[in-house]
Amino acid sequence: MTADAVVGKSQDAVVGHFQQILAPLKFWSEPVPAAQGQRAVRFSRGRDSMTLTTSTTGTGGTRFMLLGNLHVAAGG
Protein backbone atom coordinates (compact mmCIF):
# COMPACT_ATOMS: atom_id res chain seq x y z
CA MET A 1 0.00 0.00 0.00
CA THR A 2 1.14 3.55 -0.59
CA ALA A 3 0.08 7.01 0.52
CA ASP A 4 1.39 10.46 -0.37
CA ALA A 5 0.13 13.70 1.19
CA VAL A 6 1.03 17.21 2.34
CA VAL A 7 -0.04 18.40 5.79
CA GLY A 8 0.41 21.64 7.72
CA LYS A 9 2.45 19.99 10.49
CA SER A 10 6.16 19.56 11.24
CA GLN A 11 8.09 16.43 10.30
CA ASP A 12 8.33 15.55 14.01
CA ALA A 13 4.55 15.88 14.40
CA VAL A 14 3.89 13.62 11.41
CA VAL A 15 6.31 10.94 12.63
CA GLY A 16 4.86 11.21 16.14
CA HIS A 17 1.34 10.76 14.79
CA PHE A 18 2.23 7.52 13.01
CA GLN A 19 4.14 6.25 16.05
CA GLN A 20 1.11 6.98 18.24
CA ILE A 21 -1.39 5.17 16.02
CA LEU A 22 0.85 2.21 15.09
CA ALA A 23 2.32 1.41 18.53
CA PRO A 24 -1.00 0.02 19.88
CA LEU A 25 -1.04 -2.25 16.80
CA LYS A 26 2.33 -3.70 17.97
CA PHE A 27 4.49 -1.89 15.38
CA TRP A 28 7.90 -0.72 16.61
CA SER A 29 9.81 2.05 14.87
CA GLU A 30 13.41 2.82 14.03
CA PRO A 31 15.08 5.57 12.00
CA VAL A 32 16.51 4.51 8.63
CA PRO A 33 18.77 6.35 6.16
CA ALA A 34 17.11 9.12 4.14
CA ALA A 35 18.13 11.68 1.54
CA GLN A 36 19.44 15.03 2.74
CA GLY A 37 16.61 17.16 4.16
CA GLN A 38 14.36 14.15 4.61
CA ARG A 39 13.59 11.89 7.53
CA ALA A 40 12.69 8.20 7.25
CA VAL A 41 11.30 5.82 9.84
CA ARG A 42 10.58 2.11 9.44
CA PHE A 43 7.66 0.57 11.33
CA SER A 44 7.83 -3.21 11.74
CA ARG A 45 5.66 -5.97 13.15
CA GLY A 46 6.58 -9.54 12.28
CA ARG A 47 6.58 -9.77 8.46
CA ASP A 48 4.72 -6.45 8.11
CA SER A 49 6.64 -3.24 7.51
CA MET A 50 5.95 0.36 6.57
CA THR A 51 8.43 3.09 5.73
CA LEU A 52 7.48 6.71 6.32
CA THR A 53 9.54 9.39 4.56
CA THR A 54 9.00 13.07 5.36
CA SER A 55 10.32 16.35 3.98
CA THR A 56 9.54 20.00 4.66
CA THR A 57 7.70 21.84 1.88
CA GLY A 58 8.44 25.37 0.73
CA THR A 59 5.47 26.61 2.76
CA GLY A 60 6.66 24.98 5.99
CA GLY A 61 4.31 22.00 5.89
CA THR A 62 5.37 18.39 5.57
CA ARG A 63 5.07 16.08 2.62
CA PHE A 64 4.96 12.46 3.67
CA MET A 65 5.15 9.25 1.71
CA LEU A 66 4.16 5.94 3.27
CA LEU A 67 5.05 2.61 1.66
CA GLY A 68 3.70 -0.51 3.33
CA ASN A 69 4.17 -4.23 2.89
CA LEU A 70 1.40 -5.91 4.88
CA HIS A 71 0.37 -9.57 5.04
CA VAL A 72 -2.98 -11.14 5.88
CA ALA A 73 -3.39 -14.31 7.87
CA ALA A 74 -4.46 -17.49 6.08
CA GLY A 75 -8.21 -17.46 5.60
CA GLY A 76 -8.35 -13.69 6.26
PDB file of N, CA and C in Angstrom:
ATOM      1  N   MET A   1       0.831  -1.153   0.000  1.00  0.00           N
ATOM      2  CA  MET A   1       0.000   0.000   0.000  1.00  0.00           C
ATOM      3  C   MET A   1       0.886   1.231   0.000  1.00  0.00           C
ATOM      4  N   THR A   2       0.395   2.293  -0.566  1.00  0.00           N
ATOM      5  CA  THR A   2       1.139   3.548  -0.587  1.00  0.00           C
ATOM      6  C   THR A   2       0.208   4.708  -0.261  1.00  0.00           C
ATOM      7  N   ALA A   3       0.806   5.766   0.261  1.00  0.00           N
ATOM      8  CA  ALA A   3       0.076   7.009   0.518  1.00  0.00           C
ATOM      9  C   ALA A   3       1.051   8.158   0.345  1.00  0.00           C
ATOM     10  N   ASP A   4       0.564   9.273  -0.142  1.00  0.00           N
ATOM     11  CA  ASP A   4       1.388  10.461  -0.372  1.00  0.00           C
ATOM     12  C   ASP A   4       0.505  11.668  -0.078  1.00  0.00           C
ATOM     13  N   ALA A   5       0.959  12.547   0.820  1.00  0.00           N
ATOM     14  CA  ALA A   5       0.126  13.696   1.187  1.00  0.00           C
ATOM     15  C   ALA A   5       0.993  14.840   1.695  1.00  0.00           C
ATOM     16  N   VAL A   6       0.402  16.026   1.752  1.00  0.00           N
ATOM     17  CA  VAL A   6       1.032  17.208   2.339  1.00  0.00           C
ATOM     18  C   VAL A   6       0.122  17.680   3.468  1.00  0.00           C
ATOM     19  N   VAL A   7       0.721  17.937   4.632  1.00  0.00           N
ATOM     20  CA  VAL A   7      -0.044  18.401   5.791  1.00  0.00           C
ATOM     21  C   VAL A   7       0.635  19.623   6.390  1.00  0.00           C
ATOM     22  N   GLY A   8      -0.113  20.423   7.094  1.00  0.00           N
ATOM     23  CA  GLY A   8       0.412  21.635   7.720  1.00  0.00           C
ATOM     24  C   GLY A   8       0.993  21.373   9.098  1.00  0.00           C
ATOM     25  N   LYS A   9       1.813  20.362   9.218  1.00  0.00           N
ATOM     26  CA  LYS A   9       2.447  19.993  10.489  1.00  0.00           C
ATOM     27  C   LYS A   9       3.942  19.803  10.259  1.00  0.00           C
ATOM     28  N   SER A  10       4.710  19.780  11.345  1.00  0.00           N
ATOM     29  CA  SER A  10       6.155  19.561  11.240  1.00  0.00           C
ATOM     30  C   SER A  10       6.452  18.086  10.961  1.00  0.00           C
ATOM     31  N   GLN A  11       7.681  17.813  10.513  1.00  0.00           N
ATOM     32  CA  GLN A  11       8.091  16.426  10.302  1.00  0.00           C
ATOM     33  C   GLN A  11       7.975  15.634  11.604  1.00  0.00           C
ATOM     34  N   ASP A  12       8.415  16.233  12.718  1.00  0.00           N
ATOM     35  CA  ASP A  12       8.330  15.549  14.012  1.00  0.00           C
ATOM     36  C   ASP A  12       6.886  15.206  14.367  1.00  0.00           C
ATOM     37  N   ALA A  13       5.956  16.124  14.087  1.00  0.00           N
ATOM     38  CA  ALA A  13       4.549  15.881  14.397  1.00  0.00           C
ATOM     39  C   ALA A  13       3.984  14.739  13.553  1.00  0.00           C
ATOM     40  N   VAL A  14       4.370  14.684  12.287  1.00  0.00           N
ATOM     41  CA  VAL A  14       3.885  13.616  11.406  1.00  0.00           C
ATOM     42  C   VAL A  14       4.425  12.266  11.872  1.00  0.00           C
ATOM     43  N   VAL A  15       5.723  12.198  12.144  1.00  0.00           N
ATOM     44  CA  VAL A  15       6.314  10.944  12.628  1.00  0.00           C
ATOM     45  C   VAL A  15       5.663  10.543  13.949  1.00  0.00           C
ATOM     46  N   GLY A  16       5.495  11.491  14.851  1.00  0.00           N
ATOM     47  CA  GLY A  16       4.864  11.214  16.137  1.00  0.00           C
ATOM     48  C   GLY A  16       3.451  10.679  15.991  1.00  0.00           C
ATOM     49  N   HIS A  17       2.706  11.222  15.034  1.00  0.00           N
ATOM     50  CA  HIS A  17       1.337  10.755  14.789  1.00  0.00           C
ATOM     51  C   HIS A  17       1.336   9.277  14.401  1.00  0.00           C
ATOM     52  N   PHE A  18       2.193   8.918  13.445  1.00  0.00           N
ATOM     53  CA  PHE A  18       2.226   7.522  13.012  1.00  0.00           C
ATOM     54  C   PHE A  18       2.729   6.605  14.125  1.00  0.00           C
ATOM     55  N   GLN A  19       3.692   7.060  14.922  1.00  0.00           N
ATOM     56  CA  GLN A  19       4.145   6.251  16.054  1.00  0.00           C
ATOM     57  C   GLN A  19       3.001   6.034  17.041  1.00  0.00           C
ATOM     58  N   GLN A  20       2.220   7.064  17.279  1.00  0.00           N
ATOM     59  CA  GLN A  20       1.112   6.982  18.235  1.00  0.00           C
ATOM     60  C   GLN A  20       0.013   6.025  17.770  1.00  0.00           C
ATOM     61  N   ILE A  21      -0.299   6.035  16.477  1.00  0.00           N
ATOM     62  CA  ILE A  21      -1.388   5.166  16.019  1.00  0.00           C
ATOM     63  C   ILE A  21      -0.922   3.741  15.727  1.00  0.00           C
ATOM     64  N   LEU A  22       0.370   3.558  15.415  1.00  0.00           N
ATOM     65  CA  LEU A  22       0.847   2.215  15.087  1.00  0.00           C
ATOM     66  C   LEU A  22       1.348   1.433  16.299  1.00  0.00           C
ATOM     67  N   ALA A  23       1.809   2.108  17.335  1.00  0.00           N
ATOM     68  CA  ALA A  23       2.317   1.412  18.529  1.00  0.00           C
ATOM     69  C   ALA A  23       1.259   0.494  19.154  1.00  0.00           C
ATOM     70  N   PRO A  24       0.006   0.929  19.314  1.00  0.00           N
ATOM     71  CA  PRO A  24      -1.000   0.019  19.882  1.00  0.00           C
ATOM     72  C   PRO A  24      -1.270  -1.208  18.998  1.00  0.00           C
ATOM     73  N   LEU A  25      -0.879  -1.122  17.726  1.00  0.00           N
ATOM     74  CA  LEU A  25      -1.038  -2.250  16.805  1.00  0.00           C
ATOM     75  C   LEU A  25       0.209  -3.130  16.790  1.00  0.00           C
ATOM     76  N   LYS A  26       1.106  -2.909  17.760  1.00  0.00           N
ATOM     77  CA  LYS A  26       2.327  -3.701  17.970  1.00  0.00           C
ATOM     78  C   LYS A  26       3.424  -3.444  16.937  1.00  0.00           C
ATOM     79  N   PHE A  27       3.391  -2.280  16.266  1.00  0.00           N
ATOM     80  CA  PHE A  27       4.486  -1.891  15.379  1.00  0.00           C
ATOM     81  C   PHE A  27       5.540  -1.165  16.208  1.00  0.00           C
ATOM     82  N   TRP A  28       6.808  -1.477  15.993  1.00  0.00           N
ATOM     83  CA  TRP A  28       7.896  -0.720  16.611  1.00  0.00           C
ATOM     84  C   TRP A  28       8.560   0.087  15.510  1.00  0.00           C
ATOM     85  N   SER A  29       9.227   1.157  15.880  1.00  0.00           N
ATOM     86  CA  SER A  29       9.807   2.047  14.872  1.00  0.00           C
ATOM     87  C   SER A  29      11.296   2.225  15.093  1.00  0.00           C
ATOM     88  N   GLU A  30      11.981   2.520  13.986  1.00  0.00           N
ATOM     89  CA  GLU A  30      13.409   2.822  14.029  1.00  0.00           C
ATOM     90  C   GLU A  30      13.735   3.762  12.873  1.00  0.00           C
ATOM     91  N   PRO A  31      14.670   4.696  13.093  1.00  0.00           N
ATOM     92  CA  PRO A  31      15.080   5.572  11.995  1.00  0.00           C
ATOM     93  C   PRO A  31      15.881   4.775  10.971  1.00  0.00           C
ATOM     94  N   VAL A  32      15.746   5.134   9.714  1.00  0.00           N
ATOM     95  CA  VAL A  32      16.509   4.513   8.632  1.00  0.00           C
ATOM     96  C   VAL A  32      17.100   5.626   7.767  1.00  0.00           C
ATOM     97  N   PRO A  33      18.145   5.313   6.979  1.00  0.00           N
ATOM     98  CA  PRO A  33      18.774   6.354   6.155  1.00  0.00           C
ATOM     99  C   PRO A  33      17.775   7.030   5.211  1.00  0.00           C
ATOM    100  N   ALA A  34      17.970   8.331   5.029  1.00  0.00           N
ATOM    101  CA  ALA A  34      17.110   9.120   4.143  1.00  0.00           C
ATOM    102  C   ALA A  34      17.973  10.130   3.393  1.00  0.00           C
ATOM    103  N   ALA A  35      17.436  10.650   2.308  1.00  0.00           N
ATOM    104  CA  ALA A  35      18.130  11.684   1.539  1.00  0.00           C
ATOM    105  C   ALA A  35      18.267  12.945   2.387  1.00  0.00           C
ATOM    106  N   GLN A  36      19.218  13.783   2.013  1.00  0.00           N
ATOM    107  CA  GLN A  36      19.436  15.033   2.738  1.00  0.00           C
ATOM    108  C   GLN A  36      18.147  15.851   2.792  1.00  0.00           C
ATOM    109  N   GLY A  37      17.817  16.365   3.979  1.00  0.00           N
ATOM    110  CA  GLY A  37      16.610  17.164   4.161  1.00  0.00           C
ATOM    111  C   GLY A  37      15.361  16.343   4.411  1.00  0.00           C
ATOM    112  N   GLN A  38      15.495  15.022   4.353  1.00  0.00           N
ATOM    113  CA  GLN A  38      14.357  14.149   4.607  1.00  0.00           C
ATOM    114  C   GLN A  38      14.581  13.362   5.891  1.00  0.00           C
ATOM    115  N   ARG A  39      13.528  12.771   6.361  1.00  0.00           N
ATOM    116  CA  ARG A  39      13.585  11.890   7.527  1.00  0.00           C
ATOM    117  C   ARG A  39      12.834  10.626   7.153  1.00  0.00           C
ATOM    118  N   ALA A  40      13.362   9.468   7.539  1.00  0.00           N
ATOM    119  CA  ALA A  40      12.694   8.201   7.246  1.00  0.00           C
ATOM    120  C   ALA A  40      12.652   7.343   8.504  1.00  0.00           C
ATOM    121  N   VAL A  41      11.515   6.692   8.688  1.00  0.00           N
ATOM    122  CA  VAL A  41      11.301   5.819   9.841  1.00  0.00           C
ATOM    123  C   VAL A  41      10.647   4.537   9.336  1.00  0.00           C
ATOM    124  N   ARG A  42      11.173   3.400   9.789  1.00  0.00           N
ATOM    125  CA  ARG A  42      10.576   2.111   9.444  1.00  0.00           C
ATOM    126  C   ARG A  42       9.752   1.623  10.634  1.00  0.00           C
ATOM    127  N   PHE A  43       8.542   1.171  10.339  1.00  0.00           N
ATOM    128  CA  PHE A  43       7.660   0.570  11.332  1.00  0.00           C
ATOM    129  C   PHE A  43       7.570  -0.916  11.004  1.00  0.00           C
ATOM    130  N   SER A  44       7.814  -1.770  11.978  1.00  0.00           N
ATOM    131  CA  SER A  44       7.825  -3.214  11.738  1.00  0.00           C
ATOM    132  C   SER A  44       6.985  -3.951  12.763  1.00  0.00           C
ATOM    133  N   ARG A  45       6.408  -5.054  12.293  1.00  0.00           N
ATOM    134  CA  ARG A  45       5.655  -5.969  13.154  1.00  0.00           C
ATOM    135  C   ARG A  45       5.662  -7.318  12.451  1.00  0.00           C
ATOM    136  N   GLY A  46       6.478  -8.242  12.942  1.00  0.00           N
ATOM    137  CA  GLY A  46       6.581  -9.542  12.276  1.00  0.00           C
ATOM    138  C   GLY A  46       7.029  -9.363  10.837  1.00  0.00           C
ATOM    139  N   ARG A  47       6.249  -9.903   9.891  1.00  0.00           N
ATOM    140  CA  ARG A  47       6.578  -9.772   8.463  1.00  0.00           C
ATOM    141  C   ARG A  47       6.064  -8.470   7.863  1.00  0.00           C
ATOM    142  N   ASP A  48       5.275  -7.713   8.605  1.00  0.00           N
ATOM    143  CA  ASP A  48       4.719  -6.449   8.114  1.00  0.00           C
ATOM    144  C   ASP A  48       5.712  -5.312   8.321  1.00  0.00           C
ATOM    145  N   SER A  49       5.788  -4.426   7.343  1.00  0.00           N
ATOM    146  CA  SER A  49       6.640  -3.243   7.506  1.00  0.00           C
ATOM    147  C   SER A  49       6.052  -2.068   6.734  1.00  0.00           C
ATOM    148  N   MET A  50       6.331  -0.882   7.236  1.00  0.00           N
ATOM    149  CA  MET A  50       5.951   0.356   6.571  1.00  0.00           C
ATOM    150  C   MET A  50       7.111   1.323   6.718  1.00  0.00           C
ATOM    151  N   THR A  51       7.395   2.060   5.665  1.00  0.00           N
ATOM    152  CA  THR A  51       8.426   3.086   5.730  1.00  0.00           C
ATOM    153  C   THR A  51       7.770   4.435   5.476  1.00  0.00           C
ATOM    154  N   LEU A  52       8.003   5.353   6.402  1.00  0.00           N
ATOM    155  CA  LEU A  52       7.483   6.713   6.317  1.00  0.00           C
ATOM    156  C   LEU A  52       8.645   7.640   6.003  1.00  0.00           C
ATOM    157  N   THR A  53       8.527   8.398   4.925  1.00  0.00           N
ATOM    158  CA  THR A  53       9.538   9.387   4.564  1.00  0.00           C
ATOM    159  C   THR A  53       8.885  10.760   4.593  1.00  0.00           C
ATOM    160  N   THR A  54       9.549  11.720   5.245  1.00  0.00           N
ATOM    161  CA  THR A  54       9.001  13.072   5.356  1.00  0.00           C
ATOM    162  C   THR A  54      10.005  14.101   4.856  1.00  0.00           C
ATOM    163  N   SER A  55       9.485  15.211   4.365  1.00  0.00           N
ATOM    164  CA  SER A  55      10.321  16.351   3.980  1.00  0.00           C
ATOM    165  C   SER A  55       9.508  17.623   4.183  1.00  0.00           C
ATOM    166  N   THR A  56      10.206  18.719   4.454  1.00  0.00           N
ATOM    167  CA  THR A  56       9.543  20.002   4.664  1.00  0.00           C
ATOM    168  C   THR A  56       9.275  20.656   3.316  1.00  0.00           C
ATOM    169  N   THR A  57       8.058  21.165   3.128  1.00  0.00           N
ATOM    170  CA  THR A  57       7.697  21.837   1.883  1.00  0.00           C
ATOM    171  C   THR A  57       8.164  23.292   1.922  1.00  0.00           C
ATOM    172  N   GLY A  58       8.064  23.971   0.806  1.00  0.00           N
ATOM    173  CA  GLY A  58       8.439  25.375   0.728  1.00  0.00           C
ATOM    174  C   GLY A  58       7.559  26.288   1.564  1.00  0.00           C
ATOM    175  N   THR A  59       6.383  25.805   1.941  1.00  0.00           N
ATOM    176  CA  THR A  59       5.470  26.610   2.759  1.00  0.00           C
ATOM    177  C   THR A  59       5.550  26.251   4.239  1.00  0.00           C
ATOM    178  N   GLY A  60       6.471  25.354   4.592  1.00  0.00           N
ATOM    179  CA  GLY A  60       6.656  24.982   5.992  1.00  0.00           C
ATOM    180  C   GLY A  60       5.863  23.777   6.441  1.00  0.00           C
ATOM    181  N   GLY A  61       5.041  23.227   5.569  1.00  0.00           N
ATOM    182  CA  GLY A  61       4.305  22.005   5.893  1.00  0.00           C
ATOM    183  C   GLY A  61       5.203  20.789   5.702  1.00  0.00           C
ATOM    184  N   THR A  62       4.623  19.630   5.754  1.00  0.00           N
ATOM    185  CA  THR A  62       5.373  18.389   5.574  1.00  0.00           C
ATOM    186  C   THR A  62       4.714  17.532   4.512  1.00  0.00           C
ATOM    187  N   ARG A  63       5.522  17.082   3.579  1.00  0.00           N
ATOM    188  CA  ARG A  63       5.069  16.081   2.621  1.00  0.00           C
ATOM    189  C   ARG A  63       5.496  14.739   3.184  1.00  0.00           C
ATOM    190  N   PHE A  64       4.568  13.786   3.218  1.00  0.00           N
ATOM    191  CA  PHE A  64       4.956  12.455   3.668  1.00  0.00           C
ATOM    192  C   PHE A  64       4.556  11.411   2.642  1.00  0.00           C
ATOM    193  N   MET A  65       5.384  10.396   2.572  1.00  0.00           N
ATOM    194  CA  MET A  65       5.146   9.254   1.708  1.00  0.00           C
ATOM    195  C   MET A  65       5.220   8.007   2.573  1.00  0.00           C
ATOM    196  N   LEU A  66       4.231   7.159   2.474  1.00  0.00           N
ATOM    197  CA  LEU A  66       4.162   5.939   3.266  1.00  0.00           C
ATOM    198  C   LEU A  66       4.101   4.762   2.306  1.00  0.00           C
ATOM    199  N   LEU A  67       5.012   3.822   2.483  1.00  0.00           N
ATOM    200  CA  LEU A  67       5.050   2.612   1.665  1.00  0.00           C
ATOM    201  C   LEU A  67       4.940   1.425   2.605  1.00  0.00           C
ATOM    202  N   GLY A  68       3.926   0.608   2.416  1.00  0.00           N
ATOM    203  CA  GLY A  68       3.704  -0.508   3.325  1.00  0.00           C
ATOM    204  C   GLY A  68       3.688  -1.847   2.623  1.00  0.00           C
ATOM    205  N   ASN A  69       4.183  -2.847   3.336  1.00  0.00           N
ATOM    206  CA  ASN A  69       4.170  -4.229   2.885  1.00  0.00           C
ATOM    207  C   ASN A  69       3.497  -5.025   4.000  1.00  0.00           C
ATOM    208  N   LEU A  70       2.194  -5.280   3.838  1.00  0.00           N
ATOM    209  CA  LEU A  70       1.400  -5.914   4.883  1.00  0.00           C
ATOM    210  C   LEU A  70       0.911  -7.277   4.413  1.00  0.00           C
ATOM    211  N   HIS A  71       0.796  -8.209   5.343  1.00  0.00           N
ATOM    212  CA  HIS A  71       0.369  -9.570   5.036  1.00  0.00           C
ATOM    213  C   HIS A  71      -0.919  -9.881   5.790  1.00  0.00           C
ATOM    214  N   VAL A  72      -1.761 -10.696   5.197  1.00  0.00           N
ATOM    215  CA  VAL A  72      -2.977 -11.135   5.883  1.00  0.00           C
ATOM    216  C   VAL A  72      -2.790 -12.578   6.323  1.00  0.00           C
ATOM    217  N   ALA A  73      -3.465 -12.940   7.378  1.00  0.00           N
ATOM    218  CA  ALA A  73      -3.394 -14.311   7.874  1.00  0.00           C
ATOM    219  C   ALA A  73      -4.150 -15.237   6.922  1.00  0.00           C
ATOM    220  N   ALA A  74      -3.774 -16.499   6.911  1.00  0.00           N
ATOM    221  CA  ALA A  74      -4.457 -17.488   6.082  1.00  0.00           C
ATOM    222  C   ALA A  74      -5.944 -17.484   6.420  1.00  0.00           C
ATOM    223  N   GLY A  75      -6.767 -17.469   5.399  1.00  0.00           N
ATOM    224  CA  GLY A  75      -8.207 -17.455   5.597  1.00  0.00           C
ATOM    225  C   GLY A  75      -8.775 -16.082   5.892  1.00  0.00           C
ATOM    226  N   GLY A  76      -7.885 -15.024   5.899  1.00  0.00           N
ATOM    227  CA  GLY A  76      -8.350 -13.688   6.259  1.00  0.00           C
ATOM    228  C   GLY A  76      -8.537 -12.840   5.141  1.00  0.00           C
TER     229      GLY A  76
END
